Amino acid sequence: MQPRLPALLVLATSFFVVSCTASPGAKEQATMSATLQDHTVAFRNPALTDIAKAIAHGDVARIKALAPTVD
């Protein structure tokens, strides 16, 4: 009978192997790309521009005011 390896050790080893073998472009990016830094890019519908700006600036009062009007 083979000894059982602790599950956490197996999991940690598999994560390590995957992170070492992945190409550099496949890893998570810490910063947003230049095209996505403009919050209006994600919201193509002009009706969402105001609420997108409020969300980007963290303006809770404005978000609450606009939320009922946005579907």
Protein backbone atom coordinates (compact mmCIF):
# COMPACT_ATOMS: atom_id res chain seq x y z
CA MET A 1 0.00 0.00 0.00
CA GLN A 2 1.36 3.41 -0.95
CA PRO A 3 1.51 6.19 1.63
CA ARG A 4 -0.95 9.01 1.04
CA LEU A 5 0.38 12.49 0.44
CA PRO A 6 -1.35 15.31 2.25
CA ALA A 7 -3.84 17.01 -0.04
CA LEU A 8 -2.41 20.48 0.57
CA LEU A 9 1.07 19.37 -0.46
CA VAL A 10 -0.26 17.91 -3.70
CA LEU A 11 -2.33 21.02 -4.38
CA ALA A 12 0.58 23.39 -3.68
CA THR A 13 2.89 21.37 -5.90
CA SER A 14 0.41 21.38 -8.77
CA PHE A 15 -0.06 25.17 -8.49
CA PHE A 16 3.71 25.64 -8.48
CA VAL A 17 4.19 23.46 -11.54
CA VAL A 18 1.42 25.23 -13.45
CA SER A 19 2.77 28.68 -12.58
CA CYS A 20 6.28 27.71 -13.67
CA THR A 21 5.21 26.22 -16.98
CA ALA A 22 2.74 28.93 -18.02
CA SER A 23 3.94 31.43 -20.57
CA PRO A 24 4.58 34.96 -19.22
CA GLY A 25 1.71 36.36 -21.27
CA ALA A 26 -0.74 33.95 -19.65
CA LYS A 27 -0.17 35.20 -16.12
CA GLU A 28 -2.51 37.63 -14.44
CA GLN A 29 -1.77 41.26 -15.16
CA ALA A 30 -1.53 43.54 -12.14
CA THR A 31 -2.41 46.66 -14.14
CA MET A 32 -5.12 47.34 -16.66
CA SER A 33 -4.26 47.84 -20.28
CA ALA A 34 -4.36 51.40 -21.58
CA THR A 35 -7.50 50.72 -23.61
CA LEU A 36 -9.45 49.64 -20.53
CA GLN A 37 -8.40 52.48 -18.24
CA ASP A 38 -11.06 54.66 -19.80
CA HIS A 39 -14.20 53.44 -18.04
CA THR A 40 -16.42 54.37 -20.98
CA VAL A 41 -14.84 51.66 -23.15
CA ALA A 42 -16.60 48.92 -21.19
CA PHE A 43 -19.95 50.72 -21.44
CA ARG A 44 -20.70 51.10 -25.13
CA ASN A 45 -24.33 52.11 -24.57
CA PRO A 46 -24.45 55.94 -24.30
CA ALA A 47 -27.27 55.66 -21.76
CA LEU A 48 -24.82 54.03 -19.34
CA THR A 49 -22.16 56.75 -19.51
CA ASP A 50 -23.37 58.69 -16.45
CA ILE A 51 -23.60 55.64 -14.20
CA ALA A 52 -20.26 54.37 -15.52
CA LYS A 53 -18.63 57.65 -14.48
CA ALA A 54 -20.29 57.46 -11.05
CA ILE A 55 -19.07 53.87 -10.57
CA ALA A 56 -15.55 54.76 -11.72
CA HIS A 57 -15.38 57.61 -9.21
CA GLY A 58 -17.06 55.66 -6.39
CA ASP A 59 -19.86 58.23 -6.09
CA VAL A 60 -22.39 56.19 -4.10
CA ALA A 61 -25.04 58.92 -3.97
CA ARG A 62 -24.93 59.37 -7.75
CA ILE A 63 -25.05 55.59 -8.29
CA LYS A 64 -28.14 55.34 -6.08
CA ALA A 65 -29.76 58.21 -7.94
CA LEU A 66 -29.05 56.71 -11.36
CA ALA A 67 -29.64 53.03 -10.54
CA PRO A 68 -33.45 53.10 -10.86
CA THR A 69 -33.16 54.65 -14.33
CA VAL A 70 -30.70 52.07 -15.68
CA ASP A 71 -31.97 48.71 -16.84
